[in-house]
Amino acid sequence: MPPRMRKSPDILPAEAEIRPDPHAVGAGDTPALPPPALPLAGSAALDRLVETAQGYVRQAVSENTLRAYGRDWTHFARWCRMRGADPLPASPQLIGPYIADLAAPHAGGSALSVSSIERRLSGLVWGYAQRGQALDRRDRHIAAVLAGIRRKHARPPVQKEAILPEDIRDMLASLPLDLRGLRDRAILLIGFAGGLRRSEIVALDHGRDDTPDSGGWVQILEDGLLITLRGKTGWREVEIARGSSSQTCPVQALGDWLHYSRIDFGPIFVAVSRNGLKASADRLSDKHVARLIKQCVRDAGIRPDLPEAERLRLYSGHSLRAGLASSAEVDERYIQKQLGHASAEMTRRYQRRRDRFRVNLTKAAGL
C-alpha cells in the first residue's frame, strides 16, 4: 500500500510555518500507551491501572534509550511533514526513502553511518509499537534499501581506545589530593576493575533499596566488593577483589571515599561542594564519568604521539570496560561474566591491545 500523501508541495519552503504534529514525540518525552478505547465512566481504578502500565512501559528500556527513540520519531515526523506525507499508518514504502535520505541526504547535511541508521530504524519500530501499529523492518521495501546502504556505505566500527593498567596509574597520579580526588579515584578504579558502564557506576547506592532510582548496591566484604547491579542485560553480581597495592586497590579507594565523605546511605558517587570539603546528596550524572576520563587522559599525557583533540576523541566511558577486557590475562569466560555480556563474541569486541602481533601465528605454524 503506497504512503498516504497530502495535497501539498513535495518540499515546503524553509520559511513555511510548520504546525505541531500530534504524532510527534519531543526529545524529552517518553512514548506512552494510548488511552483505553472505551473509557468507562467513573472507572478510577482502571485509570490507575493504565497509569501503572504506562510506568512499566517507561521502565522497559533505559531513559537514554527512550530519549533517543523520542528524537528518532520527532525527526521522522518532521521529515514526513516536509514532504507532504503522514507518518501514520506504518508504511514500509515510506520508510525505505527515509533511510535512503539518511544515508545520502538530498537536501544537504551530513550522512548518517549504517549503525546510526539501524538505531534510528529501531526507534521507529518502537514508536509505531507505542501507537498500536507494527512496522516490519524485514519488509522488502526496507530490507532491500538497508542491504544496499550496508553494501555501499558500511565502514569498520570506530572503537574507543582501551585504558590499560599503566594508563590508569598515570591517570590516578593526575588527580588532586582532596575529597573530589578521592571520589574520582574510586570511580576510575571501580569502573576499570568491575568493567562497569558509566551509567552503572553512578547508579550505585550504599545499600539495597536506598533510593527509588537506584541501579544497584555495594557490599564491602573482607576479600573485596560484591556489587549487585541492574545492567542492560538484567541483574547481575560483579566481584571486585582487592588489588596488589593500596595505591591501585579499588576496595581501598572506595573505603577512603566513603569514610571521608561520610556516606552511609543513598547514592555512592555524588557531587562535592565547590570548596571541596563536603559531599552533597546529589547523584552524579553518567556524563561526569566521560568528562573525568577525558580530563585525566589530557592531564596524564596519555598517547602523546597524537594531537590533543584526537587523543580525547579516542577515549570515553567504555574505555574502562575495554581496558579490563584487554588487560586481564584470564580465561575469556570470566571476562564475559564480569562485563555482563550474553555472548563471547561481544566480549571479543572489547579485547584490543596496542601491542599487535603479540601472538605470531606465522612462526607458530612453522614459517
Protein backbone atom coordinates (compact mmCIF):
# COMPACT_ATOMS: atom_id res chain seq x y z
CA MET A 1 0.00 0.00 0.00
CA PRO A 2 1.57 3.33 -1.05
CA PRO A 3 2.11 6.00 1.59
CA ARG A 4 -0.80 8.37 2.09
CA MET A 5 0.12 11.82 0.74
CA ARG A 6 -1.37 15.21 1.47
CA LYS A 7 -2.07 17.74 -1.29
CA SER A 8 0.97 19.91 -0.70
CA PRO A 9 4.26 20.71 -2.41
CA ASP A 10 6.85 17.99 -2.41
CA ILE A 11 9.14 20.07 -0.19
CA LEU A 12 7.92 23.01 1.83
CA PRO A 13 9.88 26.29 1.69
CA ALA A 14 12.13 26.93 4.66
CA GLU A 15 10.05 29.89 5.83
CA ALA A 16 6.76 27.96 5.72
CA GLU A 17 5.01 27.51 9.05
CA ILE A 18 5.41 24.03 10.47
CA ARG A 19 2.37 23.09 12.53
CA PRO A 20 2.90 20.88 15.60
CA ASP A 21 2.47 17.24 14.73
CA PRO A 22 0.17 15.37 17.12
CA HIS A 23 2.09 12.19 16.34
CA ALA A 24 5.48 13.64 17.25
CA VAL A 25 7.28 12.86 20.47
CA GLY A 26 9.52 15.53 21.93
CA ALA A 27 13.15 14.87 22.64
CA GLY A 28 12.48 14.83 26.37
CA ASP A 29 9.20 12.91 26.18
CA THR A 30 8.73 9.19 26.54
CA PRO A 31 6.38 7.06 24.45
CA ALA A 32 3.15 6.29 26.28
CA LEU A 33 0.37 3.76 25.99
CA PRO A 34 -2.77 5.02 24.24
CA PRO A 35 -5.80 5.66 26.45
CA PRO A 36 -8.48 2.96 26.70
CA ALA A 37 -10.60 2.83 23.55
CA LEU A 38 -13.84 2.89 25.54
CA PRO A 39 -13.19 4.70 28.83
CA LEU A 40 -15.69 3.72 31.47
CA ALA A 41 -17.45 6.41 33.45
CA GLY A 42 -16.13 6.64 36.95
CA SER A 43 -13.51 3.90 36.42
CA ALA A 44 -10.86 5.45 38.62
CA ALA A 45 -9.35 2.04 39.31
CA LEU A 46 -8.95 1.44 35.57
CA ASP A 47 -7.29 4.84 35.14
CA ARG A 48 -4.80 3.97 37.87
CA LEU A 49 -4.03 0.67 36.15
CA VAL A 50 -3.43 2.49 32.86
CA GLU A 51 -1.02 4.86 34.62
CA THR A 52 0.73 1.87 36.17
CA ALA A 53 1.03 0.22 32.75
CA GLN A 54 2.49 3.44 31.32
CA GLY A 55 5.06 3.42 34.12
CA TYR A 56 6.09 -0.11 33.19
CA VAL A 57 6.41 0.95 29.53
CA ARG A 58 8.86 3.65 30.58
CA GLN A 59 10.83 1.05 32.55
CA ALA A 60 11.05 -1.31 29.57
CA VAL A 61 14.18 0.43 28.31
CA SER A 62 16.61 2.92 29.79
CA GLU A 63 15.86 6.63 29.94
CA ASN A 64 18.67 7.36 27.50
CA THR A 65 17.18 4.92 25.00
CA LEU A 66 13.71 6.43 25.43
CA ARG A 67 15.07 9.91 24.78
CA ALA A 68 16.87 8.65 21.68
CA TYR A 69 13.70 6.93 20.42
CA GLY A 70 11.75 10.14 21.04
CA ARG A 71 14.23 12.13 18.95
CA ASP A 72 14.08 9.48 16.22
CA TRP A 73 10.30 9.77 15.95
CA THR A 74 10.40 13.58 16.04
CA HIS A 75 12.90 13.65 13.16
CA PHE A 76 10.89 11.16 11.11
CA ALA A 77 7.58 13.02 11.69
CA ARG A 78 9.15 16.31 10.60
CA TRP A 79 10.70 14.63 7.55
CA CYS A 80 7.23 13.39 6.58
CA ARG A 81 5.64 16.83 7.04
CA MET A 82 8.29 18.48 4.88
CA ARG A 83 7.38 16.07 2.08
CA GLY A 84 3.62 16.17 2.46
CA ALA A 85 3.37 12.66 3.89
CA ASP A 86 1.69 11.31 7.00
CA PRO A 87 3.78 9.12 9.35
CA LEU A 88 0.66 7.11 10.20
CA PRO A 89 -0.24 4.42 9.39
CA ALA A 90 3.02 2.49 9.24
CA SER A 91 4.19 2.27 5.63
CA PRO A 92 7.35 0.36 4.63
CA GLN A 93 7.18 2.19 1.26
CA LEU A 94 7.75 5.44 3.16
CA ILE A 95 10.48 4.11 5.47
CA GLY A 96 12.62 3.00 2.53
CA PRO A 97 13.03 6.51 1.06
CA TYR A 98 13.51 7.90 4.57
CA ILE A 99 16.51 5.73 5.41
CA ALA A 100 17.87 6.29 1.90
CA ASP A 101 17.77 10.05 2.59
CA LEU A 102 19.62 9.47 5.87
CA ALA A 103 22.40 7.65 4.02
CA ALA A 104 22.63 10.14 1.15
CA PRO A 105 20.82 13.39 2.05
CA HIS A 106 19.40 15.21 -1.00
CA ALA A 107 18.82 18.48 0.85
CA GLY A 108 22.35 18.74 2.20
CA GLY A 109 23.56 17.87 5.66
CA SER A 110 25.69 15.05 6.98
CA ALA A 111 25.01 11.43 6.10
CA LEU A 112 24.45 9.03 8.96
CA SER A 113 26.53 5.92 9.48
CA VAL A 114 25.00 2.49 8.93
CA SER A 115 24.85 1.83 12.68
CA SER A 116 23.10 5.17 13.27
CA ILE A 117 20.53 4.39 10.57
CA GLU A 118 19.86 0.98 12.11
CA ARG A 119 19.47 2.58 15.53
CA ARG A 120 17.05 5.14 14.11
CA LEU A 121 15.08 2.37 12.44
CA SER A 122 14.81 0.63 15.82
CA GLY A 123 13.44 3.88 17.24
CA LEU A 124 10.74 3.98 14.56
CA VAL A 125 9.77 0.35 15.24
CA TRP A 126 9.38 1.29 18.91
CA GLY A 127 7.47 4.47 18.08
CA TYR A 128 4.98 2.64 15.90
CA ALA A 129 4.52 -0.08 18.50
CA GLN A 130 3.58 2.54 21.11
CA ARG A 131 0.90 3.76 18.69
CA GLY A 132 -0.58 0.31 18.26
CA GLN A 133 0.98 -0.38 14.87
CA ALA A 134 3.60 -2.80 13.65
CA LEU A 135 6.49 -1.89 11.39
CA ASP A 136 8.23 -4.93 9.93
CA ARG A 137 11.83 -3.98 9.26
CA ARG A 138 12.20 -7.22 7.28
CA ASP A 139 9.71 -5.95 4.69
CA ARG A 140 11.35 -5.94 1.25
CA HIS A 141 10.86 -2.17 0.86
CA ILE A 142 13.01 -1.63 3.96
CA ALA A 143 15.33 -4.64 3.94
CA ALA A 144 16.44 -4.15 0.33
CA VAL A 145 17.27 -0.48 0.85
CA LEU A 146 19.09 -1.21 4.11
CA ALA A 147 21.10 -4.01 2.48
CA GLY A 148 22.18 -1.62 -0.27
CA ILE A 149 23.18 1.01 2.30
CA ARG A 150 25.27 -1.54 4.16
CA ARG A 151 26.98 -2.68 0.97
CA LYS A 152 27.83 0.82 -0.22
CA HIS A 153 28.41 2.78 2.97
CA ALA A 154 29.43 0.25 5.63
CA ARG A 155 32.71 1.07 7.38
CA PRO A 156 34.63 -0.71 10.13
CA PRO A 157 33.31 0.33 13.56
CA VAL A 158 35.22 3.11 15.30
CA GLN A 159 36.24 1.66 18.65
CA LYS A 160 37.27 3.67 21.66
CA GLU A 161 40.80 3.18 22.92
CA ALA A 162 41.27 0.84 25.86
CA ILE A 163 42.66 2.26 29.09
CA LEU A 164 45.44 -0.12 30.15
CA PRO A 165 46.85 -0.59 33.68
CA GLU A 166 49.79 1.76 33.12
CA ASP A 167 47.33 4.38 31.87
CA ILE A 168 45.21 4.02 35.00
CA ARG A 169 48.25 4.58 37.21
CA ASP A 170 49.17 7.75 35.33
CA MET A 171 45.57 8.98 35.47
CA LEU A 172 45.35 8.37 39.23
CA ALA A 173 48.56 10.34 39.73
CA SER A 174 46.97 13.35 37.98
CA LEU A 175 44.06 13.59 40.44
CA PRO A 176 44.09 16.20 43.24
CA LEU A 177 44.64 15.14 46.84
CA ASP A 178 41.25 16.28 48.14
CA LEU A 179 37.72 14.94 48.58
CA ARG A 180 36.96 15.30 44.89
CA GLY A 181 40.14 13.42 44.05
CA LEU A 182 39.18 10.56 46.39
CA ARG A 183 35.81 10.25 44.68
CA ASP A 184 37.23 10.27 41.16
CA ARG A 185 39.92 7.78 42.17
CA ALA A 186 37.23 5.35 43.32
CA ILE A 187 35.22 5.90 40.13
CA LEU A 188 38.17 5.07 37.87
CA LEU A 189 39.29 2.00 39.80
CA ILE A 190 35.83 0.51 40.30
CA GLY A 191 34.87 1.22 36.70
CA PHE A 192 38.05 -0.47 35.47
CA ALA A 193 38.18 -3.46 37.84
CA GLY A 194 34.44 -4.07 37.58
CA GLY A 195 34.21 -3.49 33.85
CA LEU A 196 31.23 -1.24 34.54
CA ARG A 197 29.41 1.07 32.20
CA ARG A 198 29.42 4.72 33.23
CA SER A 199 25.66 4.60 33.90
CA GLU A 200 26.18 1.58 36.16
CA ILE A 201 28.88 3.35 38.17
CA VAL A 202 26.84 6.42 39.07
CA ALA A 203 23.65 4.40 39.70
CA LEU A 204 25.16 2.53 42.67
CA ASP A 205 23.75 3.07 46.18
CA HIS A 206 25.32 2.33 49.55
CA GLY A 207 22.62 -0.17 50.46
CA ARG A 208 19.80 -2.05 48.87
CA ASP A 209 16.65 -0.02 48.14
CA ASP A 210 18.18 3.20 49.49
CA THR A 211 16.69 5.32 46.70
CA PRO A 212 13.94 4.84 44.07
CA ASP A 213 16.37 5.45 41.19
CA SER A 214 18.99 3.00 42.43
CA GLY A 215 20.67 0.81 39.84
CA GLY A 216 22.38 -1.43 42.39
CA TRP A 217 24.26 -1.51 45.67
CA VAL A 218 27.68 -2.40 47.09
CA GLN A 219 28.70 -4.76 49.88
CA ILE A 220 32.21 -4.36 51.28
CA LEU A 221 33.45 -7.82 52.29
CA GLU A 222 36.76 -8.99 53.70
CA ASP A 223 38.10 -10.13 50.33
CA GLY A 224 36.63 -7.37 48.19
CA LEU A 225 33.47 -5.74 46.89
CA LEU A 226 30.29 -7.53 45.86
CA ILE A 227 28.27 -5.27 43.57
CA THR A 228 24.71 -6.16 42.69
CA LEU A 229 23.58 -4.05 39.78
CA ARG A 230 20.93 -3.76 37.11
CA GLY A 231 22.61 -3.58 33.74
CA LYS A 232 21.43 -3.69 30.14
CA THR A 233 21.04 -7.48 30.30
CA GLY A 234 19.32 -7.60 33.70
CA TRP A 235 20.52 -8.02 37.26
CA ARG A 236 23.98 -9.44 37.83
CA GLU A 237 26.66 -9.65 40.52
CA VAL A 238 30.12 -8.24 39.98
CA GLU A 239 33.02 -9.25 42.22
CA ILE A 240 35.91 -6.82 42.65
CA ALA A 241 38.77 -8.29 44.64
CA ARG A 242 41.45 -6.32 46.48
CA GLY A 243 44.41 -5.10 44.46
CA SER A 244 48.10 -5.87 44.93
CA SER A 245 48.84 -2.29 46.01
CA SER A 246 46.95 0.18 48.18
CA GLN A 247 47.53 2.85 45.51
CA THR A 248 45.59 0.87 42.89
CA CYS A 249 43.19 -1.12 45.09
CA PRO A 250 39.54 -0.34 44.19
CA VAL A 251 38.36 -1.62 47.58
CA GLN A 252 40.72 0.72 49.41
CA ALA A 253 39.75 3.62 47.14
CA LEU A 254 36.03 3.15 47.77
CA GLY A 255 36.56 2.77 51.51
CA ASP A 256 38.55 6.01 51.67
CA TRP A 257 35.89 7.90 49.71
CA LEU A 258 33.01 6.61 51.86
CA HIS A 259 34.91 7.35 55.08
CA TYR A 260 35.92 10.93 54.30
CA SER A 261 32.67 11.81 52.53
CA ARG A 262 30.66 10.28 55.42
CA ILE A 263 28.34 8.48 53.05
CA ASP A 264 26.43 5.65 54.70
CA PHE A 265 23.14 5.88 52.81
CA GLY A 266 21.90 6.69 49.32
CA PRO A 267 23.96 7.33 46.19
CA ILE A 268 27.66 6.49 46.50
CA PHE A 269 29.04 8.85 43.90
CA VAL A 270 27.72 12.35 44.49
CA ALA A 271 28.75 15.92 43.80
CA VAL A 272 31.24 17.72 46.03
CA SER A 273 30.93 21.31 47.24
CA ARG A 274 32.91 23.98 45.44
CA ASN A 275 35.41 24.26 48.27
CA GLY A 276 35.96 20.51 48.05
CA LEU A 277 35.21 19.91 51.72
CA LYS A 278 31.74 18.38 51.74
CA ALA A 279 29.85 15.75 49.76
CA SER A 280 26.32 16.64 48.68
CA ALA A 281 23.30 14.35 48.32
CA ASP A 282 23.08 14.84 44.54
CA ARG A 283 23.89 11.77 42.46
CA LEU A 284 26.43 12.35 39.71
CA SER A 285 25.38 12.14 36.07
CA ASP A 286 26.98 9.48 33.89
CA LYS A 287 28.40 12.36 31.85
CA HIS A 288 30.74 13.06 34.76
CA VAL A 289 32.50 9.73 34.15
CA ALA A 290 33.07 10.58 30.48
CA ARG A 291 34.38 14.06 31.36
CA LEU A 292 36.58 12.62 34.10
CA ILE A 293 38.23 10.14 31.73
CA LYS A 294 38.95 12.78 29.10
CA GLN A 295 40.29 15.20 31.71
CA CYS A 296 42.62 12.57 33.18
CA VAL A 297 43.78 11.47 29.72
CA ARG A 298 44.75 15.07 28.98
CA ASP A 299 46.37 15.74 32.37
CA ALA A 300 48.27 12.44 32.40
CA GLY A 301 49.53 12.88 28.83
CA ILE A 302 48.18 9.55 27.57
CA ARG A 303 49.09 8.89 23.91
CA PRO A 304 51.45 11.88 23.47
CA ASP A 305 52.05 10.80 19.88
CA LEU A 306 48.65 12.20 18.88
CA PRO A 307 47.25 15.74 18.80
CA GLU A 308 45.16 16.57 21.87
CA ALA A 309 41.83 16.74 20.05
CA GLU A 310 42.37 13.32 18.52
CA ARG A 311 43.52 11.86 21.84
CA LEU A 312 40.36 13.00 23.57
CA ARG A 313 38.13 11.57 20.84
CA LEU A 314 39.72 8.16 21.34
CA TYR A 315 38.63 7.80 24.97
CA SER A 316 35.21 7.53 26.59
CA GLY A 317 33.44 5.76 29.43
CA HIS A 318 33.69 2.48 27.51
CA SER A 319 37.48 2.75 27.62
CA LEU A 320 37.40 1.38 31.18
CA ARG A 321 35.47 -1.74 30.14
CA ALA A 322 37.70 -2.23 27.12
CA GLY A 323 40.74 -1.83 29.35
CA LEU A 324 39.72 -4.66 31.66
CA ALA A 325 38.85 -6.95 28.75
CA SER A 326 42.19 -6.21 27.05
CA SER A 327 44.37 -6.47 30.15
CA ALA A 328 43.09 -9.37 32.25
CA GLU A 329 45.12 -12.50 31.39
CA VAL A 330 42.41 -14.97 32.41
CA ASP A 331 40.01 -17.34 30.72
CA GLU A 332 37.64 -15.46 28.43
CA ARG A 333 34.53 -16.71 30.21
CA TYR A 334 35.48 -14.85 33.39
CA ILE A 335 35.77 -11.58 31.47
CA GLN A 336 32.44 -12.26 29.76
CA LYS A 337 30.76 -12.78 33.14
CA GLN A 338 32.33 -9.64 34.62
CA LEU A 339 31.21 -7.46 31.71
CA GLY A 340 27.74 -8.99 31.68
CA HIS A 341 27.87 -9.99 28.02
CA ALA A 342 25.42 -12.53 26.67
CA SER A 343 27.93 -13.89 24.14
CA ALA A 344 31.67 -14.42 23.91
CA GLU A 345 31.64 -12.64 20.56
CA MET A 346 30.60 -9.38 22.21
CA THR A 347 33.40 -9.77 24.77
CA ARG A 348 35.96 -10.22 21.99
CA ARG A 349 34.95 -6.84 20.55
CA TYR A 350 36.23 -5.26 23.75
CA GLN A 351 39.56 -7.08 23.69
CA ARG A 352 42.00 -4.82 21.89
CA ARG A 353 45.64 -4.13 22.65
CA ARG A 354 48.23 -1.74 21.32
CA ASP A 355 50.87 -4.49 21.12
CA ARG A 356 49.52 -6.12 17.99
CA PHE A 357 51.05 -9.36 16.71
CA ARG A 358 51.69 -10.39 20.31
CA VAL A 359 50.86 -13.91 19.17
CA ASN A 360 52.80 -14.77 15.99
CA LEU A 361 50.77 -17.47 14.27
CA THR A 362 53.05 -17.37 11.21
CA LYS A 363 56.08 -18.59 13.19
CA ALA A 364 53.91 -20.90 15.26
CA ALA A 365 52.80 -22.56 12.02
CA GLY A 366 56.46 -23.22 11.07
CA LEU A 367 57.05 -20.42 8.55
